[in-house]
Amino acid sequence: MNTNKLPRTLIAGLICACGWVSGAQAATPADQLAGYSSQAGAAASPERGQAFFTSRHGREWSCSSCHGTSPTQQGKHASTGKAISPLAPAFNAERFTDTAKTEKWFRRNCNDVVGRECTPAEKADVLSWLLTLKP
């Protein structure tokens, strides 16, 4: 047995298993919805997702404050005025295709809107609603 190959093989296996390969973060919106639903232990509700998206949660903003009441169109950041591409995946093919980016933006935006990180159930609900929006 060639012992020189064993460490490289073991390391390569660990890298793949842990998702450290750059492409391992790629996903589809449906994959991410399935993950959030699984973490929540319940099926997502598009109705709850729409209500969450459009409601204020004891703070100044709602999700729709920046993403617009119709996340099928370009939004505008409420304080900076910066343009925000459509949020609904059917209107922006890049949305919810990178797990790390999705988590980054949910963390930031939920903190602004809710004052905490969103739960997996809240993420699943919002994403399930966004997936119902079609051209």
N, C-alpha and C. Protein backbone atom coordinates (compact mmCIF):
# COMPACT_ATOMS: atom_id res chain seq x y z
N MET A 1 0.85 -1.19 0.00
CA MET A 1 0.00 0.00 0.00
C MET A 1 0.89 1.24 0.00
N ASN A 2 0.57 2.20 -0.85
CA ASN A 2 1.34 3.42 -0.95
C ASN A 2 0.82 4.39 0.12
N THR A 3 1.59 4.60 1.15
CA THR A 3 1.15 5.46 2.25
C THR A 3 1.20 6.93 1.90
N ASN A 4 1.91 7.31 0.84
CA ASN A 4 1.94 8.71 0.42
C ASN A 4 0.59 9.17 -0.10
N LYS A 5 -0.18 8.27 -0.70
CA LYS A 5 -1.48 8.64 -1.24
C LYS A 5 -2.56 8.71 -0.18
N LEU A 6 -2.40 7.97 0.91
CA LEU A 6 -3.42 7.92 1.93
C LEU A 6 -3.76 9.29 2.51
N PRO A 7 -2.80 10.09 2.93
CA PRO A 7 -3.17 11.40 3.49
C PRO A 7 -3.89 12.29 2.46
N ARG A 8 -3.42 12.31 1.21
CA ARG A 8 -4.08 13.14 0.20
C ARG A 8 -5.50 12.66 -0.06
N THR A 9 -5.69 11.35 -0.12
CA THR A 9 -7.02 10.79 -0.33
C THR A 9 -7.93 11.14 0.84
N LEU A 10 -7.43 11.01 2.04
CA LEU A 10 -8.20 11.33 3.23
C LEU A 10 -8.57 12.81 3.26
N ILE A 11 -7.62 13.66 2.97
CA ILE A 11 -7.87 15.11 2.95
C ILE A 11 -8.89 15.46 1.88
N ALA A 12 -8.74 14.90 0.68
CA ALA A 12 -9.69 15.17 -0.40
C ALA A 12 -11.09 14.73 -0.01
N GLY A 13 -11.20 13.59 0.64
CA GLY A 13 -12.51 13.11 1.09
C GLY A 13 -13.12 14.03 2.11
N LEU A 14 -12.31 14.51 3.05
CA LEU A 14 -12.82 15.44 4.06
C LEU A 14 -13.25 16.76 3.45
N ILE A 15 -12.49 17.24 2.49
CA ILE A 15 -12.85 18.50 1.83
C ILE A 15 -14.20 18.37 1.16
N CYS A 16 -14.40 17.30 0.43
CA CYS A 16 -15.68 17.09 -0.26
C CYS A 16 -16.81 16.89 0.74
N ALA A 17 -16.58 16.10 1.76
CA ALA A 17 -17.63 15.81 2.74
C ALA A 17 -18.04 17.06 3.51
N CYS A 18 -17.11 17.94 3.76
CA CYS A 18 -17.41 19.13 4.54
C CYS A 18 -17.88 20.30 3.69
N GLY A 19 -17.88 20.16 2.39
CA GLY A 19 -18.36 21.23 1.54
C GLY A 19 -17.38 22.36 1.34
N TRP A 20 -16.09 22.08 1.45
CA TRP A 20 -15.10 23.14 1.32
C TRP A 20 -14.70 23.39 -0.12
N VAL A 21 -15.20 22.61 -1.04
CA VAL A 21 -14.90 22.83 -2.45
C VAL A 21 -15.77 23.99 -2.91
N SER A 22 -15.21 24.91 -3.68
CA SER A 22 -15.94 26.13 -4.03
C SER A 22 -17.30 25.85 -4.65
N GLY A 23 -17.45 24.84 -5.47
CA GLY A 23 -18.73 24.54 -6.09
C GLY A 23 -19.72 23.90 -5.14
N ALA A 24 -19.28 23.48 -3.97
CA ALA A 24 -20.17 22.80 -3.04
C ALA A 24 -21.23 23.73 -2.48
N GLN A 25 -21.03 25.02 -2.58
CA GLN A 25 -22.01 25.97 -2.07
C GLN A 25 -23.15 26.21 -3.05
N ALA A 26 -22.99 25.75 -4.28
CA ALA A 26 -24.03 25.95 -5.28
C ALA A 26 -25.26 25.13 -4.93
N ALA A 27 -26.40 25.69 -5.18
CA ALA A 27 -27.67 25.04 -4.88
C ALA A 27 -28.74 25.61 -5.79
N THR A 28 -29.89 25.03 -5.72
CA THR A 28 -31.04 25.62 -6.39
C THR A 28 -31.94 26.22 -5.31
N PRO A 29 -32.82 27.12 -5.67
CA PRO A 29 -33.76 27.63 -4.68
C PRO A 29 -34.57 26.50 -4.03
N ALA A 30 -34.95 25.50 -4.83
CA ALA A 30 -35.72 24.37 -4.29
C ALA A 30 -34.89 23.57 -3.28
N ASP A 31 -33.59 23.41 -3.55
CA ASP A 31 -32.70 22.73 -2.60
C ASP A 31 -32.66 23.50 -1.28
N GLN A 32 -32.52 24.80 -1.38
CA GLN A 32 -32.44 25.60 -0.16
C GLN A 32 -33.75 25.57 0.61
N LEU A 33 -34.88 25.61 -0.11
CA LEU A 33 -36.18 25.50 0.55
C LEU A 33 -36.29 24.17 1.28
N ALA A 34 -35.88 23.10 0.63
CA ALA A 34 -35.93 21.78 1.27
C ALA A 34 -35.07 21.75 2.53
N GLY A 35 -33.91 22.38 2.48
CA GLY A 35 -33.03 22.43 3.65
C GLY A 35 -33.66 23.19 4.80
N TYR A 36 -34.22 24.37 4.51
CA TYR A 36 -34.86 25.16 5.57
C TYR A 36 -36.07 24.43 6.14
N SER A 37 -36.86 23.81 5.28
CA SER A 37 -38.04 23.07 5.75
C SER A 37 -37.62 21.91 6.64
N SER A 38 -36.55 21.24 6.24
CA SER A 38 -36.04 20.12 7.05
C SER A 38 -35.55 20.61 8.41
N GLN A 39 -34.82 21.72 8.41
CA GLN A 39 -34.34 22.29 9.68
C GLN A 39 -35.50 22.72 10.56
N ALA A 40 -36.55 23.24 9.94
CA ALA A 40 -37.71 23.71 10.69
C ALA A 40 -38.56 22.55 11.20
N GLY A 41 -38.46 21.41 10.52
CA GLY A 41 -39.26 20.26 10.92
C GLY A 41 -40.72 20.39 10.52
N ALA A 42 -40.98 21.26 9.55
CA ALA A 42 -42.37 21.49 9.11
C ALA A 42 -42.37 21.98 7.67
N ALA A 43 -43.51 21.81 7.04
CA ALA A 43 -43.66 22.29 5.67
C ALA A 43 -43.75 23.81 5.66
N ALA A 44 -43.21 24.40 4.64
CA ALA A 44 -43.24 25.86 4.49
C ALA A 44 -44.63 26.31 4.05
N SER A 45 -44.95 27.55 4.36
CA SER A 45 -46.24 28.13 3.99
C SER A 45 -46.01 29.40 3.17
N PRO A 46 -46.37 29.38 1.88
CA PRO A 46 -46.25 30.61 1.08
C PRO A 46 -47.08 31.77 1.66
N GLU A 47 -48.22 31.46 2.24
CA GLU A 47 -49.07 32.51 2.82
C GLU A 47 -48.37 33.19 4.00
N ARG A 48 -47.76 32.39 4.87
CA ARG A 48 -47.00 32.97 5.99
C ARG A 48 -45.79 33.74 5.46
N GLY A 49 -45.17 33.22 4.39
CA GLY A 49 -44.01 33.89 3.80
C GLY A 49 -44.36 35.27 3.27
N GLN A 50 -45.48 35.38 2.58
CA GLN A 50 -45.90 36.69 2.06
C GLN A 50 -46.21 37.64 3.21
N ALA A 51 -46.91 37.14 4.22
CA ALA A 51 -47.23 37.99 5.38
C ALA A 51 -45.95 38.44 6.09
N PHE A 52 -44.99 37.54 6.26
CA PHE A 52 -43.72 37.90 6.89
C PHE A 52 -43.01 38.97 6.08
N PHE A 53 -42.96 38.79 4.75
CA PHE A 53 -42.25 39.69 3.84
C PHE A 53 -42.83 41.11 3.88
N THR A 54 -44.13 41.22 3.98
CA THR A 54 -44.77 42.54 3.87
C THR A 54 -45.03 43.21 5.22
N SER A 55 -44.81 42.51 6.32
CA SER A 55 -45.11 43.05 7.65
C SER A 55 -43.88 43.62 8.33
N ARG A 56 -44.14 44.63 9.15
CA ARG A 56 -43.10 45.12 10.04
C ARG A 56 -43.15 44.27 11.30
N HIS A 57 -42.02 44.06 11.87
CA HIS A 57 -41.93 43.17 13.03
C HIS A 57 -41.44 43.95 14.25
N GLY A 58 -42.11 45.06 14.51
CA GLY A 58 -41.74 45.90 15.64
C GLY A 58 -40.58 46.82 15.35
N ARG A 59 -40.17 46.87 14.10
CA ARG A 59 -39.05 47.73 13.70
C ARG A 59 -39.52 48.64 12.58
N GLU A 60 -38.61 49.47 12.10
CA GLU A 60 -38.94 50.47 11.09
C GLU A 60 -39.25 49.88 9.72
N TRP A 61 -38.56 48.81 9.35
CA TRP A 61 -38.68 48.27 8.00
C TRP A 61 -39.35 46.91 7.96
N SER A 62 -39.86 46.59 6.77
CA SER A 62 -40.25 45.22 6.43
C SER A 62 -39.33 44.79 5.30
N CYS A 63 -39.39 43.56 4.89
CA CYS A 63 -38.59 43.10 3.74
C CYS A 63 -38.94 43.93 2.51
N SER A 64 -40.24 44.22 2.37
CA SER A 64 -40.71 44.96 1.19
C SER A 64 -40.27 46.42 1.19
N SER A 65 -39.77 46.92 2.31
CA SER A 65 -39.27 48.30 2.33
C SER A 65 -38.15 48.50 1.32
N CYS A 66 -37.33 47.48 1.13
CA CYS A 66 -36.21 47.57 0.19
C CYS A 66 -36.45 46.75 -1.08
N HIS A 67 -37.03 45.56 -0.90
CA HIS A 67 -37.22 44.67 -2.05
C HIS A 67 -38.47 45.02 -2.84
N GLY A 68 -39.28 45.93 -2.33
CA GLY A 68 -40.51 46.33 -3.01
C GLY A 68 -41.66 45.40 -2.69
N THR A 69 -42.88 45.92 -2.84
CA THR A 69 -44.05 45.10 -2.55
C THR A 69 -44.16 43.96 -3.55
N SER A 70 -43.55 44.14 -4.71
CA SER A 70 -43.49 43.07 -5.69
C SER A 70 -42.04 42.68 -5.89
N PRO A 71 -41.59 41.58 -5.27
CA PRO A 71 -40.19 41.17 -5.39
C PRO A 71 -39.86 40.60 -6.78
N THR A 72 -40.76 40.81 -7.72
CA THR A 72 -40.53 40.42 -9.11
C THR A 72 -39.89 41.55 -9.89
N GLN A 73 -39.79 42.71 -9.25
CA GLN A 73 -39.22 43.89 -9.89
C GLN A 73 -38.03 44.39 -9.08
N GLN A 74 -37.29 45.30 -9.66
CA GLN A 74 -36.14 45.89 -8.97
C GLN A 74 -36.62 46.66 -7.75
N GLY A 75 -35.90 46.51 -6.65
CA GLY A 75 -36.18 47.26 -5.44
C GLY A 75 -35.14 48.35 -5.25
N LYS A 76 -35.25 49.05 -4.12
CA LYS A 76 -34.31 50.12 -3.81
C LYS A 76 -34.11 50.17 -2.31
N HIS A 77 -32.84 50.11 -1.89
CA HIS A 77 -32.55 50.12 -0.46
C HIS A 77 -33.15 51.36 0.18
N ALA A 78 -33.84 51.17 1.29
CA ALA A 78 -34.58 52.26 1.93
C ALA A 78 -33.69 53.41 2.41
N SER A 79 -32.47 53.14 2.84
CA SER A 79 -31.64 54.24 3.33
C SER A 79 -30.56 54.67 2.34
N THR A 80 -30.01 53.75 1.56
CA THR A 80 -28.92 54.13 0.65
C THR A 80 -29.41 54.46 -0.76
N GLY A 81 -30.60 53.99 -1.10
CA GLY A 81 -31.12 54.21 -2.44
C GLY A 81 -30.51 53.29 -3.49
N LYS A 82 -29.63 52.39 -3.08
CA LYS A 82 -28.98 51.47 -4.01
C LYS A 82 -30.02 50.51 -4.62
N ALA A 83 -29.90 50.29 -5.93
CA ALA A 83 -30.81 49.38 -6.63
C ALA A 83 -30.59 47.94 -6.15
N ILE A 84 -31.68 47.22 -6.02
CA ILE A 84 -31.65 45.81 -5.62
C ILE A 84 -32.35 45.01 -6.70
N SER A 85 -31.65 44.03 -7.25
CA SER A 85 -32.21 43.18 -8.30
C SER A 85 -33.43 42.44 -7.77
N PRO A 86 -34.33 42.03 -8.66
CA PRO A 86 -35.52 41.28 -8.21
C PRO A 86 -35.13 40.10 -7.32
N LEU A 87 -35.94 39.86 -6.31
CA LEU A 87 -35.66 38.82 -5.34
C LEU A 87 -36.24 37.46 -5.75
N ALA A 88 -37.35 37.47 -6.43
CA ALA A 88 -38.00 36.21 -6.82
C ALA A 88 -37.13 35.47 -7.84
N PRO A 89 -36.82 34.20 -7.58
CA PRO A 89 -35.94 33.44 -8.47
C PRO A 89 -36.39 33.38 -9.93
N ALA A 90 -37.68 33.39 -10.20
CA ALA A 90 -38.15 33.33 -11.59
C ALA A 90 -37.82 34.61 -12.35
N PHE A 91 -37.49 35.67 -11.64
CA PHE A 91 -37.19 36.95 -12.26
C PHE A 91 -35.71 37.32 -12.14
N ASN A 92 -34.95 36.50 -11.42
CA ASN A 92 -33.52 36.70 -11.26
C ASN A 92 -32.91 35.33 -11.00
N ALA A 93 -32.37 34.72 -12.04
CA ALA A 93 -31.87 33.35 -11.97
C ALA A 93 -30.73 33.15 -10.98
N GLU A 94 -30.09 34.22 -10.53
CA GLU A 94 -28.97 34.09 -9.58
C GLU A 94 -29.43 34.00 -8.13
N ARG A 95 -30.68 34.33 -7.88
CA ARG A 95 -31.16 34.34 -6.49
C ARG A 95 -31.24 32.93 -5.93
N PHE A 96 -30.79 32.80 -4.69
CA PHE A 96 -30.87 31.56 -3.93
C PHE A 96 -30.17 30.39 -4.62
N THR A 97 -29.04 30.68 -5.26
CA THR A 97 -28.24 29.63 -5.90
C THR A 97 -26.90 29.42 -5.20
N ASP A 98 -26.63 30.19 -4.18
CA ASP A 98 -25.39 30.07 -3.41
C ASP A 98 -25.77 30.09 -1.93
N THR A 99 -25.57 28.97 -1.28
CA THR A 99 -25.99 28.81 0.11
C THR A 99 -25.33 29.85 1.02
N ALA A 100 -24.06 30.10 0.84
CA ALA A 100 -23.35 31.06 1.69
C ALA A 100 -23.92 32.47 1.52
N LYS A 101 -24.17 32.86 0.28
CA LYS A 101 -24.75 34.19 0.03
C LYS A 101 -26.16 34.29 0.61
N THR A 102 -26.93 33.23 0.43
CA THR A 102 -28.29 33.23 0.97
C THR A 102 -28.26 33.44 2.47
N GLU A 103 -27.41 32.70 3.15
CA GLU A 103 -27.31 32.83 4.61
C GLU A 103 -26.81 34.22 5.01
N LYS A 104 -25.83 34.73 4.28
CA LYS A 104 -25.30 36.06 4.58
C LYS A 104 -26.40 37.12 4.51
N TRP A 105 -27.18 37.08 3.44
CA TRP A 105 -28.21 38.11 3.26
C TRP A 105 -29.40 37.90 4.18
N PHE A 106 -29.79 36.66 4.43
CA PHE A 106 -30.85 36.43 5.42
C PHE A 106 -30.40 36.96 6.78
N ARG A 107 -29.16 36.68 7.17
CA ARG A 107 -28.66 37.14 8.47
C ARG A 107 -28.71 38.66 8.56
N ARG A 108 -28.18 39.35 7.56
CA ARG A 108 -28.15 40.82 7.58
C ARG A 108 -29.56 41.41 7.54
N ASN A 109 -30.36 40.94 6.60
CA ASN A 109 -31.68 41.53 6.41
C ASN A 109 -32.62 41.20 7.55
N CYS A 110 -32.56 40.00 8.08
CA CYS A 110 -33.41 39.66 9.22
C CYS A 110 -33.04 40.50 10.43
N ASN A 111 -31.77 40.74 10.62
CA ASN A 111 -31.36 41.60 11.73
C ASN A 111 -31.95 43.01 11.57
N ASP A 112 -31.95 43.55 10.35
CA ASP A 112 -32.52 44.87 10.11
C ASP A 112 -34.04 44.89 10.29
N VAL A 113 -34.70 43.84 9.82
CA VAL A 113 -36.16 43.82 9.80
C VAL A 113 -36.76 43.28 11.10
N VAL A 114 -36.17 42.24 11.64
CA VAL A 114 -36.75 41.57 12.80
C VAL A 114 -35.94 41.83 14.08
N GLY A 115 -34.68 42.23 13.91
CA GLY A 115 -33.83 42.48 15.07
C GLY A 115 -33.17 41.22 15.60
N ARG A 116 -33.15 40.17 14.77
CA ARG A 116 -32.54 38.90 15.13
C ARG A 116 -32.39 38.09 13.85
N GLU A 117 -31.74 36.94 13.95
CA GLU A 117 -31.67 36.06 12.80
C GLU A 117 -33.05 35.43 12.61
N CYS A 118 -33.41 35.20 11.37
CA CYS A 118 -34.67 34.52 11.09
C CYS A 118 -34.52 33.03 11.41
N THR A 119 -35.63 32.43 11.76
CA THR A 119 -35.64 31.00 12.02
C THR A 119 -35.66 30.25 10.69
N PRO A 120 -35.28 28.98 10.69
CA PRO A 120 -35.40 28.19 9.46
C PRO A 120 -36.84 28.19 8.91
N ALA A 121 -37.83 28.18 9.79
CA ALA A 121 -39.24 28.19 9.34
C ALA A 121 -39.56 29.50 8.64
N GLU A 122 -39.09 30.62 9.16
CA GLU A 122 -39.34 31.92 8.52
C GLU A 122 -38.66 31.98 7.15
N LYS A 123 -37.42 31.49 7.07
CA LYS A 123 -36.72 31.47 5.80
C LYS A 123 -37.46 30.58 4.80
N ALA A 124 -37.89 29.41 5.25
CA ALA A 124 -38.62 28.50 4.37
C ALA A 124 -39.92 29.13 3.88
N ASP A 125 -40.64 29.79 4.78
CA ASP A 125 -41.90 30.42 4.39
C ASP A 125 -41.69 31.50 3.33
N VAL A 126 -40.71 32.37 3.55
CA VAL A 126 -40.45 33.45 2.59
C VAL A 126 -40.00 32.86 1.25
N LEU A 127 -39.08 31.93 1.28
CA LEU A 127 -38.60 31.34 0.04
C LEU A 127 -39.72 30.58 -0.68
N SER A 128 -40.58 29.90 0.06
CA SER A 128 -41.68 29.18 -0.59
C SER A 128 -42.62 30.15 -1.29
N TRP A 129 -42.87 31.32 -0.69
CA TRP A 129 -43.70 32.32 -1.34
C TRP A 129 -43.01 32.87 -2.59
N LEU A 130 -41.72 33.20 -2.47
CA LEU A 130 -40.99 33.73 -3.62
C LEU A 130 -41.00 32.75 -4.80
N LEU A 131 -40.99 31.47 -4.51
CA LEU A 131 -41.00 30.46 -5.56
C LEU A 131 -42.36 30.33 -6.25
N THR A 132 -43.40 30.87 -5.63
CA THR A 132 -44.72 30.84 -6.29
C THR A 132 -44.87 31.95 -7.31
N LEU A 133 -43.99 32.95 -7.27
CA LEU A 133 -44.11 34.11 -8.16
C LEU A 133 -43.51 33.75 -9.53
N LYS A 134 -44.34 33.79 -10.53
CA LYS A 134 -43.94 33.39 -11.88
C LYS A 134 -44.20 34.52 -12.88
N PRO A 135 -43.42 34.53 -13.97
CA PRO A 135 -43.65 35.57 -15.01
C PRO A 135 -44.99 35.39 -15.70
